[in-house]
C-alpha atoms as a PDB file:
ATOM      1  CA  MET A   1     -97.736  -0.084  32.751  1.00  0.00           C
ATOM      2  CA  VAL A   2     -94.847  -2.836  33.692  1.00  0.00           C
ATOM      3  CA  ILE A   3     -97.797  -5.249  34.407  1.00  0.00           C
ATOM      4  CA  LEU A   4     -99.540  -4.630  31.122  1.00  0.00           C
ATOM      5  CA  LYS A   5     -96.253  -5.238  29.412  1.00  0.00           C
ATOM      6  CA  LYS A   6     -95.605  -8.420  31.488  1.00  0.00           C
ATOM      7  CA  PHE A   7     -99.072  -9.848  30.783  1.00  0.00           C
ATOM      8  CA  PHE A   8     -98.615  -9.232  27.170  1.00  0.00           C
ATOM      9  CA  ILE A   9     -95.315 -10.976  26.803  1.00  0.00           C
ATOM     10  CA  LEU A  10     -96.783 -13.909  28.918  1.00  0.00           C
ATOM     11  CA  SER A  11     -99.815 -13.934  26.528  1.00  0.00           C
ATOM     12  CA  ALA A  12     -97.973 -13.909  23.451  1.00  0.00           C
ATOM     13  CA  ALA A  13     -95.486 -16.966  24.662  1.00  0.00           C
ATOM     14  CA  MET A  14     -98.634 -19.083  25.597  1.00  0.00           C
ATOM     15  CA  PHE A  15    -100.101 -18.418  22.363  1.00  0.00           C
ATOM     16  CA  ILE A  16     -96.962 -19.365  20.467  1.00  0.00           C
ATOM     17  CA  VAL A  17     -96.573 -22.823  22.594  1.00  0.00           C
ATOM     18  CA  MET A  18    -100.320 -23.561  22.405  1.00  0.00           C
ATOM     19  CA  GLY A  19    -100.103 -23.047  18.544  1.00  0.00           C
ATOM     20  CA  LEU A  20     -97.187 -25.345  18.357  1.00  0.00           C
ATOM     21  CA  VAL A  21     -98.932 -28.261  20.312  1.00  0.00           C
ATOM     22  CA  GLY A  22    -102.229 -27.527  18.705  1.00  0.00           C
ATOM     23  CA  ASN A  23    -100.791 -28.013  15.173  1.00  0.00           C
ATOM     24  CA  GLY A  24     -99.735 -31.661  16.047  1.00  0.00           C
ATOM     25  CA  VAL A  25     -96.040 -31.132  16.135  1.00  0.00           C
ATOM     26  CA  TRP A  26     -95.767 -34.545  18.228  1.00  0.00           C
ATOM     27  CA  ALA A  27     -99.176 -34.991  19.995  1.00  0.00           C
ATOM     28  CA  GLU A  28    -102.756 -34.552  19.014  1.00  0.00           C
ATOM     29  CA  GLU A  29    -105.703 -32.989  20.949  1.00  0.00           C
ATOM     30  CA  SER A  30    -106.668 -36.381  22.130  1.00  0.00           C
ATOM     31  CA  GLY A  31    -103.046 -36.652  23.987  1.00  0.00           C
ATOM     32  CA  LYS A  32    -101.975 -39.498  21.737  1.00  0.00           C
ATOM     33  CA  ILE A  33     -98.344 -39.587  20.960  1.00  0.00           C
ATOM     34  CA  ASN A  34     -97.741 -39.411  17.209  1.00  0.00           C
ATOM     35  CA  ILE A  35     -95.166 -42.007  16.587  1.00  0.00           C
ATOM     36  CA  ASN A  36     -94.463 -40.453  13.235  1.00  0.00           C
ATOM     37  CA  LYS A  37     -93.667 -37.138  14.344  1.00  0.00           C
ATOM     38  CA  ALA A  38     -92.500 -37.660  18.149  1.00  0.00           C
ATOM     39  CA  PRO A  39     -88.781 -36.982  19.042  1.00  0.00           C
ATOM     40  CA  VAL A  40     -87.085 -39.400  21.398  1.00  0.00           C
ATOM     41  CA  GLU A  41     -87.779 -37.055  24.165  1.00  0.00           C
ATOM     42  CA  ILE A  42     -91.706 -37.783  23.941  1.00  0.00           C
ATOM     43  CA  LEU A  43     -91.721 -41.175  22.867  1.00  0.00           C
ATOM     44  CA  VAL A  44     -89.948 -42.344  26.081  1.00  0.00           C
ATOM     45  CA  GLN A  45     -93.303 -41.373  27.656  1.00  0.00           C
ATOM     46  CA  LEU A  46     -94.857 -44.466  26.333  1.00  0.00           C
ATOM     47  CA  ASP A  47     -94.934 -47.525  28.783  1.00  0.00           C
ATOM     48  CA  ARG A  48     -91.958 -49.919  28.523  1.00  0.00           C
ATOM     49  CA  VAL A  49     -90.307 -47.712  26.004  1.00  0.00           C
ATOM     50  CA  GLY A  50     -87.068 -46.288  27.014  1.00  0.00           C
ATOM     51  CA  GLU A  51     -84.471 -44.114  25.230  1.00  0.00           C
ATOM     52  CA  LYS A  52     -83.010 -47.017  23.169  1.00  0.00           C
ATOM     53  CA  TYR A  53     -86.373 -47.999  21.689  1.00  0.00           C
ATOM     54  CA  ALA A  54     -87.583 -44.568  21.315  1.00  0.00           C
ATOM     55  CA  GLN A  55     -84.328 -44.066  19.131  1.00  0.00           C
ATOM     56  CA  ARG A  56     -85.054 -47.039  17.105  1.00  0.00           C
ATOM     57  CA  ILE A  57     -88.596 -46.023  16.349  1.00  0.00           C
ATOM     58  CA  VAL A  58     -87.106 -42.762  15.044  1.00  0.00           C
ATOM     59  CA  GLU A  59     -84.654 -44.787  13.064  1.00  0.00           C
ATOM     60  CA  TYR A  60     -87.125 -47.123  11.754  1.00  0.00           C
ATOM     61  CA  ARG A  61     -89.327 -44.179  10.417  1.00  0.00           C
ATOM     62  CA  GLU A  62     -86.425 -42.223   8.869  1.00  0.00           C
ATOM     63  CA  LYS A  63     -85.400 -45.442   6.864  1.00  0.00           C
ATOM     64  CA  ASN A  64     -88.904 -47.010   6.187  1.00  0.00           C
ATOM     65  CA  GLY A  65     -90.847 -44.015   5.947  1.00  0.00           C
ATOM     66  CA  PRO A  66     -94.006 -43.218   8.410  1.00  0.00           C
ATOM     67  CA  PHE A  67     -95.733 -45.970   9.959  1.00  0.00           C
ATOM     68  CA  LYS A  68     -99.167 -46.487   8.307  1.00  0.00           C
ATOM     69  CA  GLN A  69    -100.982 -48.030  11.258  1.00  0.00           C
ATOM     70  CA  PRO A  70    -100.314 -47.957  14.949  1.00  0.00           C
ATOM     71  CA  GLU A  71     -99.637 -51.524  15.428  1.00  0.00           C
ATOM     72  CA  ASP A  72     -96.778 -50.933  12.903  1.00  0.00           C
ATOM     73  CA  ILE A  73     -94.724 -50.037  15.828  1.00  0.00           C
ATOM     74  CA  MET A  74     -94.249 -53.759  16.489  1.00  0.00           C
ATOM     75  CA  LYS A  75     -91.937 -53.881  13.308  1.00  0.00           C
ATOM     76  CA  VAL A  76     -89.363 -51.896  15.341  1.00  0.00           C
ATOM     77  CA  LYS A  77     -86.923 -54.407  16.862  1.00  0.00           C
ATOM     78  CA  GLY A  78     -87.430 -55.105  20.071  1.00  0.00           C
ATOM     79  CA  ILE A  79     -91.028 -53.759  20.355  1.00  0.00           C
ATOM     80  CA  GLY A  80     -93.590 -56.747  20.678  1.00  0.00           C
ATOM     81  CA  THR A  81     -96.912 -57.483  21.752  1.00  0.00           C
ATOM     82  CA  LYS A  82     -96.293 -56.207  25.352  1.00  0.00           C
ATOM     83  CA  VAL A  83     -95.436 -52.732  24.389  1.00  0.00           C
ATOM     84  CA  TRP A  84     -98.075 -52.592  21.967  1.00  0.00           C
ATOM     85  CA  GLU A  85    -100.696 -53.657  24.411  1.00  0.00           C
ATOM     86  CA  ALA A  86     -99.512 -51.405  26.916  1.00  0.00           C
ATOM     87  CA  ASN A  87     -99.633 -48.297  24.678  1.00  0.00           C
ATOM     88  CA  LYS A  88    -102.250 -48.993  21.931  1.00  0.00           C
ATOM     89  CA  ASP A  89    -104.628 -46.353  23.002  1.00  0.00           C
ATOM     90  CA  MET A  90    -101.796 -43.867  23.316  1.00  0.00           C
ATOM     91  CA  ILE A  91    -100.424 -44.184  19.754  1.00  0.00           C
ATOM     92  CA  SER A  92    -101.363 -42.172  16.861  1.00  0.00           C
ATOM     93  CA  VAL A  93     -99.893 -42.220  13.053  1.00  0.00           C
ATOM     94  CA  LYS A  94    -101.747 -38.959  11.811  1.00  0.00           C
END
């Protein structure tokens, strides 16, 4: 009985977590990072993006609205072609 109860609780927790990630809270099924939704803690996973630049990405989209294209990340102060080239296959905007 105790094992069945633990299994049920664990299954329910996994279902909730997978539902959040599957609905694109910050990432897509392809493993890309959605720069329109991801928090700072996720944006720092991009190459050459530290906490300071991740915060700038969040502030930019709050001020200017969502990014229309992945390469629009270069509109953020301090993010240029090197950051774009290092991450272009990891970035999503939808």
